[in-house]
Amino acid sequence: MKLTYTQNGDYLLPNLTIKKKNTNGINKYGYLRLHYLKENKKALYTTLLMTNKLTNHLISVSKNSENRLQMLMKNYKNSDERLSEKNKEINHIEWSKLMNNYKNTAEEIILNEFIFI
């Protein structure tokens, strides 16, 4: 790899650029991971950024966390009979409370497994 330099006053600064990557696959969990890395794991963040692996890492975290969320929610629906479609029609407020509770629980699990590691 050949480096080129630009003179800025008395200093020669290297022309370092980061290749632009497609960030369409990054969801909220990927952005939470990015924020966590920037604030708490600066060495890992810098290493991933300089080796041009940060975007791939964030997309991987996004996909894995989304798959985990879907799996957890499916398991919750199958294990709790109060979350059936019949109960949704009968008592939709109670059904919504339960779904929100299970979703919050699943998101807490995901944050501990994928984001804050």
PDB file of N, CA and C in Angstrom:
ATOM      1  N   MET A   1       0.837  -1.164   0.000  1.00  0.00           N
ATOM      2  CA  MET A   1       0.000   0.000   0.000  1.00  0.00           C
ATOM      3  C   MET A   1       0.885   1.231   0.000  1.00  0.00           C
ATOM      4  N   LYS A   2       0.678   2.093  -0.977  1.00  0.00           N
ATOM      5  CA  LYS A   2       1.478   3.300  -1.095  1.00  0.00           C
ATOM      6  C   LYS A   2       0.685   4.472  -0.550  1.00  0.00           C
ATOM      7  N   LEU A   3       1.317   5.225   0.343  1.00  0.00           N
ATOM      8  CA  LEU A   3       0.674   6.393   0.927  1.00  0.00           C
ATOM      9  C   LEU A   3       1.107   7.656   0.202  1.00  0.00           C
ATOM     10  N   THR A   4       0.173   8.534   0.018  1.00  0.00           N
ATOM     11  CA  THR A   4       0.481   9.845  -0.524  1.00  0.00           C
ATOM     12  C   THR A   4       0.228  10.870   0.573  1.00  0.00           C
ATOM     13  N   TYR A   5       0.896  12.014   0.452  1.00  0.00           N
ATOM     14  CA  TYR A   5       0.822  13.030   1.493  1.00  0.00           C
ATOM     15  C   TYR A   5       0.420  14.365   0.893  1.00  0.00           C
ATOM     16  N   THR A   6      -0.225  15.170   1.724  1.00  0.00           N
ATOM     17  CA  THR A   6      -0.597  16.525   1.358  1.00  0.00           C
ATOM     18  C   THR A   6       0.074  17.474   2.336  1.00  0.00           C
ATOM     19  N   GLN A   7       0.667  18.513   1.793  1.00  0.00           N
ATOM     20  CA  GLN A   7       1.328  19.456   2.672  1.00  0.00           C
ATOM     21  C   GLN A   7       0.300  20.463   3.189  1.00  0.00           C
ATOM     22  N   ASN A   8       0.278  20.604   4.494  1.00  0.00           N
ATOM     23  CA  ASN A   8      -0.616  21.542   5.157  1.00  0.00           C
ATOM     24  C   ASN A   8       0.246  22.418   6.060  1.00  0.00           C
ATOM     25  N   GLY A   9       0.630  23.580   5.568  1.00  0.00           N
ATOM     26  CA  GLY A   9       1.564  24.439   6.297  1.00  0.00           C
ATOM     27  C   GLY A   9       2.935  23.795   6.280  1.00  0.00           C
ATOM     28  N   ASP A  10       3.495  23.561   7.462  1.00  0.00           N
ATOM     29  CA  ASP A  10       4.801  22.921   7.578  1.00  0.00           C
ATOM     30  C   ASP A  10       4.710  21.410   7.709  1.00  0.00           C
ATOM     31  N   TYR A  11       3.513  20.867   7.687  1.00  0.00           N
ATOM     32  CA  TYR A  11       3.328  19.452   7.955  1.00  0.00           C
ATOM     33  C   TYR A  11       2.903  18.698   6.703  1.00  0.00           C
ATOM     34  N   LEU A  12       3.371  17.454   6.614  1.00  0.00           N
ATOM     35  CA  LEU A  12       2.899  16.532   5.587  1.00  0.00           C
ATOM     36  C   LEU A  12       1.915  15.582   6.250  1.00  0.00           C
ATOM     37  N   LEU A  13       0.661  15.614   5.805  1.00  0.00           N
ATOM     38  CA  LEU A  13      -0.388  14.766   6.361  1.00  0.00           C
ATOM     39  C   LEU A  13      -0.716  13.651   5.382  1.00  0.00           C
ATOM     40  N   PRO A  14      -0.841  12.422   5.891  1.00  0.00           N
ATOM     41  CA  PRO A  14      -1.164  11.322   4.979  1.00  0.00           C
ATOM     42  C   PRO A  14      -2.600  11.448   4.461  1.00  0.00           C
ATOM     43  N   ASN A  15      -2.795  11.063   3.221  1.00  0.00           N
ATOM     44  CA  ASN A  15      -4.133  11.066   2.623  1.00  0.00           C
ATOM     45  C   ASN A  15      -4.803   9.731   2.952  1.00  0.00           C
ATOM     46  N   LEU A  16      -5.448   9.695   4.093  1.00  0.00           N
ATOM     47  CA  LEU A  16      -6.133   8.483   4.534  1.00  0.00           C
ATOM     48  C   LEU A  16      -7.625   8.678   4.327  1.00  0.00           C
ATOM     49  N   THR A  17      -8.235   7.714   3.670  1.00  0.00           N
ATOM     50  CA  THR A  17      -9.680   7.767   3.475  1.00  0.00           C
ATOM     51  C   THR A  17     -10.269   6.408   3.827  1.00  0.00           C
ATOM     52  N   ILE A  18     -11.491   6.443   4.232  1.00  0.00           N
ATOM     53  CA  ILE A  18     -12.215   5.219   4.533  1.00  0.00           C
ATOM     54  C   ILE A  18     -13.180   4.978   3.392  1.00  0.00           C
ATOM     55  N   LYS A  19     -13.161   3.754   2.887  1.00  0.00           N
ATOM     56  CA  LYS A  19     -14.058   3.431   1.778  1.00  0.00           C
ATOM     57  C   LYS A  19     -15.500   3.499   2.252  1.00  0.00           C
ATOM     58  N   LYS A  20     -16.333   4.108   1.437  1.00  0.00           N
ATOM     59  CA  LYS A  20     -17.753   4.231   1.757  1.00  0.00           C
ATOM     60  C   LYS A  20     -18.423   2.887   1.546  1.00  0.00           C
ATOM     61  N   LYS A  21     -19.136   2.415   2.564  1.00  0.00           N
ATOM     62  CA  LYS A  21     -19.831   1.141   2.474  1.00  0.00           C
ATOM     63  C   LYS A  21     -21.327   1.387   2.546  1.00  0.00           C
ATOM     64  N   ASN A  22     -22.074   0.437   2.051  1.00  0.00           N
ATOM     65  CA  ASN A  22     -23.524   0.508   2.088  1.00  0.00           C
ATOM     66  C   ASN A  22     -23.998   0.197   3.507  1.00  0.00           C
ATOM     67  N   THR A  23     -24.685   1.137   4.128  1.00  0.00           N
ATOM     68  CA  THR A  23     -25.128   0.970   5.509  1.00  0.00           C
ATOM     69  C   THR A  23     -26.622   0.675   5.597  1.00  0.00           C
ATOM     70  N   ASN A  24     -27.224   0.189   4.529  1.00  0.00           N
ATOM     71  CA  ASN A  24     -28.658  -0.077   4.529  1.00  0.00           C
ATOM     72  C   ASN A  24     -29.050  -1.218   5.455  1.00  0.00           C
ATOM     73  N   GLY A  25     -28.161  -2.146   5.742  1.00  0.00           N
ATOM     74  CA  GLY A  25     -28.498  -3.300   6.559  1.00  0.00           C
ATOM     75  C   GLY A  25     -28.351  -3.067   8.052  1.00  0.00           C
ATOM     76  N   ILE A  26     -28.047  -1.841   8.461  1.00  0.00           N
ATOM     77  CA  ILE A  26     -27.846  -1.557   9.879  1.00  0.00           C
ATOM     78  C   ILE A  26     -29.158  -1.071  10.485  1.00  0.00           C
ATOM     79  N   ASN A  27     -29.631  -1.782  11.508  1.00  0.00           N
ATOM     80  CA  ASN A  27     -30.865  -1.384  12.181  1.00  0.00           C
ATOM     81  C   ASN A  27     -30.524  -0.720  13.518  1.00  0.00           C
ATOM     82  N   LYS A  28     -31.505  -0.575  14.389  1.00  0.00           N
ATOM     83  CA  LYS A  28     -31.276   0.149  15.632  1.00  0.00           C
ATOM     84  C   LYS A  28     -30.267  -0.561  16.526  1.00  0.00           C
ATOM     85  N   TYR A  29     -30.214  -1.888  16.451  1.00  0.00           N
ATOM     86  CA  TYR A  29     -29.246  -2.615  17.268  1.00  0.00           C
ATOM     87  C   TYR A  29     -27.816  -2.374  16.780  1.00  0.00           C
ATOM     88  N   GLY A  30     -27.654  -2.246  15.481  1.00  0.00           N
ATOM     89  CA  GLY A  30     -26.334  -1.922  14.935  1.00  0.00           C
ATOM     90  C   GLY A  30     -25.878  -0.543  15.364  1.00  0.00           C
ATOM     91  N   TYR A  31     -26.794   0.409  15.351  1.00  0.00           N
ATOM     92  CA  TYR A  31     -26.434   1.766  15.780  1.00  0.00           C
ATOM     93  C   TYR A  31     -26.187   1.838  17.283  1.00  0.00           C
ATOM     94  N   LEU A  32     -26.920   1.033  18.065  1.00  0.00           N
ATOM     95  CA  LEU A  32     -26.640   0.957  19.497  1.00  0.00           C
ATOM     96  C   LEU A  32     -25.255   0.373  19.744  1.00  0.00           C
ATOM     97  N   ARG A  33     -24.884  -0.646  18.960  1.00  0.00           N
ATOM     98  CA  ARG A  33     -23.552  -1.238  19.077  1.00  0.00           C
ATOM     99  C   ARG A  33     -22.475  -0.224  18.692  1.00  0.00           C
ATOM    100  N   LEU A  34     -22.722   0.544  17.636  1.00  0.00           N
ATOM    101  CA  LEU A  34     -21.776   1.572  17.219  1.00  0.00           C
ATOM    102  C   LEU A  34     -21.562   2.585  18.329  1.00  0.00           C
ATOM    103  N   HIS A  35     -22.633   3.053  18.929  1.00  0.00           N
ATOM    104  CA  HIS A  35     -22.527   4.023  20.020  1.00  0.00           C
ATOM    105  C   HIS A  35     -21.777   3.420  21.208  1.00  0.00           C
ATOM    106  N   TYR A  36     -22.071   2.162  21.531  1.00  0.00           N
ATOM    107  CA  TYR A  36     -21.385   1.493  22.637  1.00  0.00           C
ATOM    108  C   TYR A  36     -19.885   1.374  22.357  1.00  0.00           C
ATOM    109  N   LEU A  37     -19.526   0.994  21.135  1.00  0.00           N
ATOM    110  CA  LEU A  37     -18.114   0.873  20.793  1.00  0.00           C
ATOM    111  C   LEU A  37     -17.406   2.213  20.883  1.00  0.00           C
ATOM    112  N   LYS A  38     -18.041   3.265  20.390  1.00  0.00           N
ATOM    113  CA  LYS A  38     -17.429   4.595  20.427  1.00  0.00           C
ATOM    114  C   LYS A  38     -17.200   5.078  21.851  1.00  0.00           C
ATOM    115  N   GLU A  39     -18.156   4.797  22.725  1.00  0.00           N
ATOM    116  CA  GLU A  39     -18.084   5.319  24.081  1.00  0.00           C
ATOM    117  C   GLU A  39     -17.284   4.436  25.033  1.00  0.00           C
ATOM    118  N   ASN A  40     -17.335   3.115  24.854  1.00  0.00           N
ATOM    119  CA  ASN A  40     -16.768   2.217  25.861  1.00  0.00           C
ATOM    120  C   ASN A  40     -15.630   1.330  25.380  1.00  0.00           C
ATOM    121  N   LYS A  41     -15.558   1.048  24.102  1.00  0.00           N
ATOM    122  CA  LYS A  41     -14.529   0.152  23.553  1.00  0.00           C
ATOM    123  C   LYS A  41     -13.785   0.874  22.435  1.00  0.00           C
ATOM    124  N   LYS A  42     -13.095   1.934  22.792  1.00  0.00           N
ATOM    125  CA  LYS A  42     -12.471   2.788  21.780  1.00  0.00           C
ATOM    126  C   LYS A  42     -11.395   2.065  20.980  1.00  0.00           C
ATOM    127  N   ALA A  43     -10.655   1.176  21.621  1.00  0.00           N
ATOM    128  CA  ALA A  43      -9.606   0.450  20.901  1.00  0.00           C
ATOM    129  C   ALA A  43     -10.218  -0.474  19.842  1.00  0.00           C
ATOM    130  N   LEU A  44     -11.266  -1.211  20.216  1.00  0.00           N
ATOM    131  CA  LEU A  44     -11.935  -2.087  19.253  1.00  0.00           C
ATOM    132  C   LEU A  44     -12.576  -1.277  18.136  1.00  0.00           C
ATOM    133  N   TYR A  45     -13.213  -0.171  18.495  1.00  0.00           N
ATOM    134  CA  TYR A  45     -13.825   0.701  17.487  1.00  0.00           C
ATOM    135  C   TYR A  45     -12.778   1.199  16.486  1.00  0.00           C
ATOM    136  N   THR A  46     -11.646   1.663  16.990  1.00  0.00           N
ATOM    137  CA  THR A  46     -10.592   2.180  16.111  1.00  0.00           C
ATOM    138  C   THR A  46     -10.021   1.081  15.235  1.00  0.00           C
ATOM    139  N   THR A  47      -9.830  -0.101  15.805  1.00  0.00           N
ATOM    140  CA  THR A  47      -9.300  -1.225  15.025  1.00  0.00           C
ATOM    141  C   THR A  47     -10.257  -1.609  13.900  1.00  0.00           C
ATOM    142  N   LEU A  48     -11.540  -1.738  14.230  1.00  0.00           N
ATOM    143  CA  LEU A  48     -12.527  -2.082  13.200  1.00  0.00           C
ATOM    144  C   LEU A  48     -12.613  -0.997  12.139  1.00  0.00           C
ATOM    145  N   LEU A  49     -12.532   0.240  12.555  1.00  0.00           N
ATOM    146  CA  LEU A  49     -12.616   1.351  11.611  1.00  0.00           C
ATOM    147  C   LEU A  49     -11.399   1.385  10.687  1.00  0.00           C
ATOM    148  N   MET A  50     -10.223   1.220  11.235  1.00  0.00           N
ATOM    149  CA  MET A  50      -9.003   1.308  10.433  1.00  0.00           C
ATOM    150  C   MET A  50      -8.819   0.097   9.508  1.00  0.00           C
ATOM    151  N   THR A  51      -9.339  -1.053   9.904  1.00  0.00           N
ATOM    152  CA  THR A  51      -9.229  -2.232   9.045  1.00  0.00           C
ATOM    153  C   THR A  51     -10.417  -2.352   8.098  1.00  0.00           C
ATOM    154  N   ASN A  52     -11.295  -1.363   8.134  1.00  0.00           N
ATOM    155  CA  ASN A  52     -12.453  -1.285   7.240  1.00  0.00           C
ATOM    156  C   ASN A  52     -13.430  -2.444   7.468  1.00  0.00           C
ATOM    157  N   LYS A  53     -13.569  -2.872   8.732  1.00  0.00           N
ATOM    158  CA  LYS A  53     -14.465  -3.964   9.084  1.00  0.00           C
ATOM    159  C   LYS A  53     -15.639  -3.503   9.945  1.00  0.00           C
ATOM    160  N   LEU A  54     -15.721  -2.222  10.229  1.00  0.00           N
ATOM    161  CA  LEU A  54     -16.751  -1.719  11.132  1.00  0.00           C
ATOM    162  C   LEU A  54     -18.151  -1.922  10.561  1.00  0.00           C
ATOM    163  N   THR A  55     -18.341  -1.583   9.301  1.00  0.00           N
ATOM    164  CA  THR A  55     -19.669  -1.709   8.696  1.00  0.00           C
ATOM    165  C   THR A  55     -20.115  -3.170   8.672  1.00  0.00           C
ATOM    166  N   ASN A  56     -19.217  -4.068   8.313  1.00  0.00           N
ATOM    167  CA  ASN A  56     -19.561  -5.501   8.300  1.00  0.00           C
ATOM    168  C   ASN A  56     -19.916  -5.987   9.698  1.00  0.00           C
ATOM    169  N   HIS A  57     -19.192  -5.502  10.704  1.00  0.00           N
ATOM    170  CA  HIS A  57     -19.470  -5.866  12.091  1.00  0.00           C
ATOM    171  C   HIS A  57     -20.859  -5.388  12.505  1.00  0.00           C
ATOM    172  N   LEU A  58     -21.194  -4.157  12.164  1.00  0.00           N
ATOM    173  CA  LEU A  58     -22.495  -3.593  12.540  1.00  0.00           C
ATOM    174  C   LEU A  58     -23.643  -4.296  11.818  1.00  0.00           C
ATOM    175  N   ILE A  59     -23.442  -4.632  10.554  1.00  0.00           N
ATOM    176  CA  ILE A  59     -24.474  -5.372   9.813  1.00  0.00           C
ATOM    177  C   ILE A  59     -24.654  -6.758  10.417  1.00  0.00           C
ATOM    178  N   SER A  60     -23.559  -7.407  10.804  1.00  0.00           N
ATOM    179  CA  SER A  60     -23.634  -8.725  11.429  1.00  0.00           C
ATOM    180  C   SER A  60     -24.393  -8.656  12.755  1.00  0.00           C
ATOM    181  N   VAL A  61     -24.083  -7.670  13.576  1.00  0.00           N
ATOM    182  CA  VAL A  61     -24.796  -7.494  14.845  1.00  0.00           C
ATOM    183  C   VAL A  61     -26.274  -7.241  14.582  1.00  0.00           C
ATOM    184  N   SER A  62     -26.580  -6.428  13.571  1.00  0.00           N
ATOM    185  CA  SER A  62     -27.975  -6.120  13.243  1.00  0.00           C
ATOM    186  C   SER A  62     -28.741  -7.377  12.850  1.00  0.00           C
ATOM    187  N   LYS A  63     -28.158  -8.181  11.961  1.00  0.00           N
ATOM    188  CA  LYS A  63     -28.835  -9.396  11.498  1.00  0.00           C
ATOM    189  C   LYS A  63     -29.006 -10.405  12.626  1.00  0.00           C
ATOM    190  N   ASN A  64     -27.947 -10.620  13.401  1.00  0.00           N
ATOM    191  CA  ASN A  64     -28.016 -11.590  14.488  1.00  0.00           C
ATOM    192  C   ASN A  64     -29.025 -11.174  15.550  1.00  0.00           C
ATOM    193  N   SER A  65     -29.043  -9.908  15.888  1.00  0.00           N
ATOM    194  CA  SER A  65     -29.983  -9.449  16.912  1.00  0.00           C
ATOM    195  C   SER A  65     -31.421  -9.500  16.404  1.00  0.00           C
ATOM    196  N   GLU A  66     -31.642  -9.178  15.143  1.00  0.00           N
ATOM    197  CA  GLU A  66     -32.991  -9.248  14.586  1.00  0.00           C
ATOM    198  C   GLU A  66     -33.486 -10.699  14.536  1.00  0.00           C
ATOM    199  N   ASN A  67     -32.606 -11.621  14.148  1.00  0.00           N
ATOM    200  CA  ASN A  67     -32.976 -13.046  14.142  1.00  0.00           C
ATOM    201  C   ASN A  67     -33.286 -13.534  15.550  1.00  0.00           C
ATOM    202  N   ARG A  68     -32.491 -13.109  16.501  1.00  0.00           N
ATOM    203  CA  ARG A  68     -32.718 -13.503  17.896  1.00  0.00           C
ATOM    204  C   ARG A  68     -34.052 -12.949  18.408  1.00  0.00           C
ATOM    205  N   LEU A  69     -34.366 -11.702  18.055  1.00  0.00           N
ATOM    206  CA  LEU A  69     -35.634 -11.102  18.463  1.00  0.00           C
ATOM    207  C   LEU A  69     -36.812 -11.884  17.891  1.00  0.00           C
ATOM    208  N   GLN A  70     -36.736 -12.228  16.618  1.00  0.00           N
ATOM    209  CA  GLN A  70     -37.815 -12.988  15.992  1.00  0.00           C
ATOM    210  C   GLN A  70     -37.987 -14.356  16.652  1.00  0.00           C
ATOM    211  N   MET A  71     -36.869 -14.998  16.965  1.00  0.00           N
ATOM    212  CA  MET A  71     -36.927 -16.305  17.592  1.00  0.00           C
ATOM    213  C   MET A  71     -37.522 -16.216  19.003  1.00  0.00           C
ATOM    214  N   LEU A  72     -37.093 -15.231  19.772  1.00  0.00           N
ATOM    215  CA  LEU A  72     -37.624 -15.070  21.124  1.00  0.00           C
ATOM    216  C   LEU A  72     -39.116 -14.772  21.109  1.00  0.00           C
ATOM    217  N   MET A  73     -39.538 -13.889  20.222  1.00  0.00           N
ATOM    218  CA  MET A  73     -40.960 -13.539  20.157  1.00  0.00           C
ATOM    219  C   MET A  73     -41.798 -14.745  19.722  1.00  0.00           C
ATOM    220  N   LYS A  74     -41.276 -15.532  18.807  1.00  0.00           N
ATOM    221  CA  LYS A  74     -41.991 -16.738  18.371  1.00  0.00           C
ATOM    222  C   LYS A  74     -42.127 -17.716  19.527  1.00  0.00           C
ATOM    223  N   ASN A  75     -41.049 -17.882  20.298  1.00  0.00           N
ATOM    224  CA  ASN A  75     -41.099 -18.772  21.458  1.00  0.00           C
ATOM    225  C   ASN A  75     -42.086 -18.268  22.506  1.00  0.00           C
ATOM    226  N   TYR A  76     -42.097 -16.973  22.734  1.00  0.00           N
ATOM    227  CA  TYR A  76     -43.041 -16.405  23.703  1.00  0.00           C
ATOM    228  C   TYR A  76     -44.484 -16.628  23.256  1.00  0.00           C
ATOM    229  N   LYS A  77     -44.753 -16.420  21.974  1.00  0.00           N
ATOM    230  CA  LYS A  77     -46.113 -16.629  21.459  1.00  0.00           C
ATOM    231  C   LYS A  77     -46.549 -18.086  21.594  1.00  0.00           C
ATOM    232  N   ASN A  78     -45.631 -18.994  21.327  1.00  0.00           N
ATOM    233  CA  ASN A  78     -45.972 -20.413  21.398  1.00  0.00           C
ATOM    234  C   ASN A  78     -46.132 -20.896  22.835  1.00  0.00           C
ATOM    235  N   SER A  79     -45.422 -20.294  23.768  1.00  0.00           N
ATOM    236  CA  SER A  79     -45.461 -20.792  25.146  1.00  0.00           C
ATOM    237  C   SER A  79     -46.591 -20.178  25.975  1.00  0.00           C
ATOM    238  N   ASP A  80     -47.113 -19.035  25.573  1.00  0.00           N
ATOM    239  CA  ASP A  80     -48.161 -18.380  26.357  1.00  0.00           C
ATOM    240  C   ASP A  80     -49.473 -18.417  25.579  1.00  0.00           C
ATOM    241  N   GLU A  81     -50.436 -19.135  26.106  1.00  0.00           N
ATOM    242  CA  GLU A  81     -51.723 -19.268  25.410  1.00  0.00           C
ATOM    243  C   GLU A  81     -52.525 -17.975  25.411  1.00  0.00           C
ATOM    244  N   ARG A  82     -52.176 -17.038  26.282  1.00  0.00           N
ATOM    245  CA  ARG A  82     -52.877 -15.748  26.298  1.00  0.00           C
ATOM    246  C   ARG A  82     -52.540 -14.889  25.089  1.00  0.00           C
ATOM    247  N   LEU A  83     -51.527 -15.289  24.308  1.00  0.00           N
ATOM    248  CA  LEU A  83     -51.119 -14.527  23.131  1.00  0.00           C
ATOM    249  C   LEU A  83     -51.720 -15.078  21.840  1.00  0.00           C
ATOM    250  N   SER A  84     -52.741 -15.897  21.951  1.00  0.00           N
ATOM    251  CA  SER A  84     -53.367 -16.459  20.752  1.00  0.00           C
ATOM    252  C   SER A  84     -54.205 -15.393  20.045  1.00  0.00           C
ATOM    253  N   GLU A  85     -54.522 -15.673  18.800  1.00  0.00           N
ATOM    254  CA  GLU A  85     -55.342 -14.744  18.011  1.00  0.00           C
ATOM    255  C   GLU A  85     -56.749 -14.615  18.592  1.00  0.00           C
ATOM    256  N   LYS A  86     -57.231 -15.683  19.190  1.00  0.00           N
ATOM    257  CA  LYS A  86     -58.558 -15.646  19.804  1.00  0.00           C
ATOM    258  C   LYS A  86     -58.585 -14.656  20.974  1.00  0.00           C
ATOM    259  N   ASN A  87     -57.567 -14.728  21.814  1.00  0.00           N
ATOM    260  CA  ASN A  87     -57.484 -13.786  22.939  1.00  0.00           C
ATOM    261  C   ASN A  87     -57.206 -12.362  22.465  1.00  0.00           C
ATOM    262  N   LYS A  88     -56.548 -12.234  21.327  1.00  0.00           N
ATOM    263  CA  LYS A  88     -56.302 -10.907  20.763  1.00  0.00           C
ATOM    264  C   LYS A  88     -57.622 -10.234  20.413  1.00  0.00           C
ATOM    265  N   GLU A  89     -58.558 -10.988  19.885  1.00  0.00           N
ATOM    266  CA  GLU A  89     -59.870 -10.435  19.528  1.00  0.00           C
ATOM    267  C   GLU A  89     -60.742 -10.187  20.764  1.00  0.00           C
ATOM    268  N   ILE A  90     -60.637 -11.062  21.753  1.00  0.00           N
ATOM    269  CA  ILE A  90     -61.472 -10.942  22.945  1.00  0.00           C
ATOM    270  C   ILE A  90     -61.013  -9.788  23.838  1.00  0.00           C
ATOM    271  N   ASN A  91     -59.730  -9.779  24.154  1.00  0.00           N
ATOM    272  CA  ASN A  91     -59.204  -8.777  25.080  1.00  0.00           C
ATOM    273  C   ASN A  91     -57.920  -8.190  24.502  1.00  0.00           C
ATOM    274  N   HIS A  92     -58.064  -7.292  23.567  1.00  0.00           N
ATOM    275  CA  HIS A  92     -56.897  -6.774  22.843  1.00  0.00           C
ATOM    276  C   HIS A  92     -55.990  -5.916  23.707  1.00  0.00           C
ATOM    277  N   ILE A  93     -56.522  -5.279  24.745  1.00  0.00           N
ATOM    278  CA  ILE A  93     -55.675  -4.456  25.606  1.00  0.00           C
ATOM    279  C   ILE A  93     -54.733  -5.342  26.418  1.00  0.00           C
ATOM    280  N   GLU A  94     -55.268  -6.414  26.984  1.00  0.00           N
ATOM    281  CA  GLU A  94     -54.429  -7.353  27.728  1.00  0.00           C
ATOM    282  C   GLU A  94     -53.400  -8.005  26.806  1.00  0.00           C
ATOM    283  N   TRP A  95     -53.815  -8.340  25.592  1.00  0.00           N
ATOM    284  CA  TRP A  95     -52.905  -8.935  24.613  1.00  0.00           C
ATOM    285  C   TRP A  95     -51.772  -7.970  24.278  1.00  0.00           C
ATOM    286  N   SER A  96     -52.105  -6.696  24.109  1.00  0.00           N
ATOM    287  CA  SER A  96     -51.087  -5.682  23.804  1.00  0.00           C
ATOM    288  C   SER A  96     -50.110  -5.507  24.958  1.00  0.00           C
ATOM    289  N   LYS A  97     -50.633  -5.527  26.177  1.00  0.00           N
ATOM    290  CA  LYS A  97     -49.756  -5.421  27.352  1.00  0.00           C
ATOM    291  C   LYS A  97     -48.757  -6.574  27.387  1.00  0.00           C
ATOM    292  N   LEU A  98     -49.276  -7.773  27.170  1.00  0.00           N
ATOM    293  CA  LEU A  98     -48.399  -8.949  27.189  1.00  0.00           C
ATOM    294  C   LEU A  98     -47.347  -8.888  26.083  1.00  0.00           C
ATOM    295  N   MET A  99     -47.783  -8.519  24.874  1.00  0.00           N
ATOM    296  CA  MET A  99     -46.830  -8.432  23.758  1.00  0.00           C
ATOM    297  C   MET A  99     -45.748  -7.391  24.026  1.00  0.00           C
ATOM    298  N   ASN A 100     -46.145  -6.247  24.549  1.00  0.00           N
ATOM    299  CA  ASN A 100     -45.158  -5.217  24.876  1.00  0.00           C
ATOM    300  C   ASN A 100     -44.196  -5.700  25.966  1.00  0.00           C
ATOM    301  N   ASN A 101     -44.723  -6.393  26.933  1.00  0.00           N
ATOM    302  CA  ASN A 101     -43.883  -6.915  27.999  1.00  0.00           C
ATOM    303  C   ASN A 101     -42.875  -7.925  27.457  1.00  0.00           C
ATOM    304  N   TYR A 102     -43.347  -8.845  26.626  1.00  0.00           N
ATOM    305  CA  TYR A 102     -42.447  -9.835  26.038  1.00  0.00           C
ATOM    306  C   TYR A 102     -41.427  -9.197  25.096  1.00  0.00           C
ATOM    307  N   LYS A 103     -41.846  -8.189  24.353  1.00  0.00           N
ATOM    308  CA  LYS A 103     -40.909  -7.512  23.451  1.00  0.00           C
ATOM    309  C   LYS A 103     -39.829  -6.784  24.235  1.00  0.00           C
ATOM    310  N   ASN A 104     -40.213  -6.117  25.311  1.00  0.00           N
ATOM    311  CA  ASN A 104     -39.221  -5.445  26.154  1.00  0.00           C
ATOM    312  C   ASN A 104     -38.249  -6.441  26.779  1.00  0.00           C
ATOM    313  N   THR A 105     -38.769  -7.584  27.196  1.00  0.00           N
ATOM    314  CA  THR A 105     -37.914  -8.626  27.757  1.00  0.00           C
ATOM    315  C   THR A 105     -36.933  -9.147  26.702  1.00  0.00           C
ATOM    316  N   ALA A 106     -37.426  -9.381  25.500  1.00  0.00           N
ATOM    317  CA  ALA A 106     -36.565  -9.868  24.416  1.00  0.00           C
ATOM    318  C   ALA A 106     -35.502  -8.837  24.054  1.00  0.00           C
ATOM    319  N   GLU A 107     -35.872  -7.576  24.012  1.00  0.00           N
ATOM    320  CA  GLU A 107     -34.892  -6.532  23.689  1.00  0.00           C
ATOM    321  C   GLU A 107     -33.828  -6.419  24.773  1.00  0.00           C
ATOM    322  N   GLU A 108     -34.208  -6.606  26.020  1.00  0.00           N
ATOM    323  CA  GLU A 108     -33.232  -6.579  27.109  1.00  0.00           C
ATOM    324  C   GLU A 108     -32.236  -7.730  26.968  1.00  0.00           C
ATOM    325  N   ILE A 109     -32.737  -8.895  26.583  1.00  0.00           N
ATOM    326  CA  ILE A 109     -31.854 -10.042  26.354  1.00  0.00           C
ATOM    327  C   ILE A 109     -30.896  -9.743  25.204  1.00  0.00           C
ATOM    328  N   ILE A 110     -31.403  -9.175  24.135  1.00  0.00           N
ATOM    329  CA  ILE A 110     -30.567  -8.862  22.970  1.00  0.00           C
ATOM    330  C   ILE A 110     -29.495  -7.838  23.328  1.00  0.00           C
ATOM    331  N   LEU A 111     -29.867  -6.828  24.080  1.00  0.00           N
ATOM    332  CA  LEU A 111     -28.882  -5.816  24.471  1.00  0.00           C
ATOM    333  C   LEU A 111     -27.747  -6.444  25.263  1.00  0.00           C
ATOM    334  N   ASN A 112     -28.071  -7.363  26.145  1.00  0.00           N
ATOM    335  CA  ASN A 112     -27.030  -8.009  26.944  1.00  0.00           C
ATOM    336  C   ASN A 112     -26.207  -9.017  26.149  1.00  0.00           C
ATOM    337  N   GLU A 113     -26.804  -9.635  25.134  1.00  0.00           N
ATOM    338  CA  GLU A 113     -26.086 -10.640  24.355  1.00  0.00           C
ATOM    339  C   GLU A 113     -25.245 -10.058  23.224  1.00  0.00           C
ATOM    340  N   PHE A 114     -25.776  -9.038  22.534  1.00  0.00           N
ATOM    341  CA  PHE A 114     -25.117  -8.577  21.314  1.00  0.00           C
ATOM    342  C   PHE A 114     -24.515  -7.170  21.409  1.00  0.00           C
ATOM    343  N   ILE A 115     -25.103  -6.317  22.176  1.00  0.00           N
ATOM    344  CA  ILE A 115     -24.685  -4.911  22.150  1.00  0.00           C
ATOM    345  C   ILE A 115     -23.608  -4.624  23.179  1.00  0.00           C
ATOM    346  N   PHE A 116     -23.861  -4.977  24.419  1.00  0.00           N
ATOM    347  CA  PHE A 116     -22.970  -4.606  25.508  1.00  0.00           C
ATOM    348  C   PHE A 116     -22.003  -5.720  25.876  1.00  0.00           C
ATOM    349  N   ILE A 117     -21.320  -6.253  24.881  1.00  0.00           N
ATOM    350  CA  ILE A 117     -20.333  -7.300  25.148  1.00  0.00           C
ATOM    351  C   ILE A 117     -18.945  -6.801  24.844  1.00  0.00           C
TER     352      ILE A 117
END
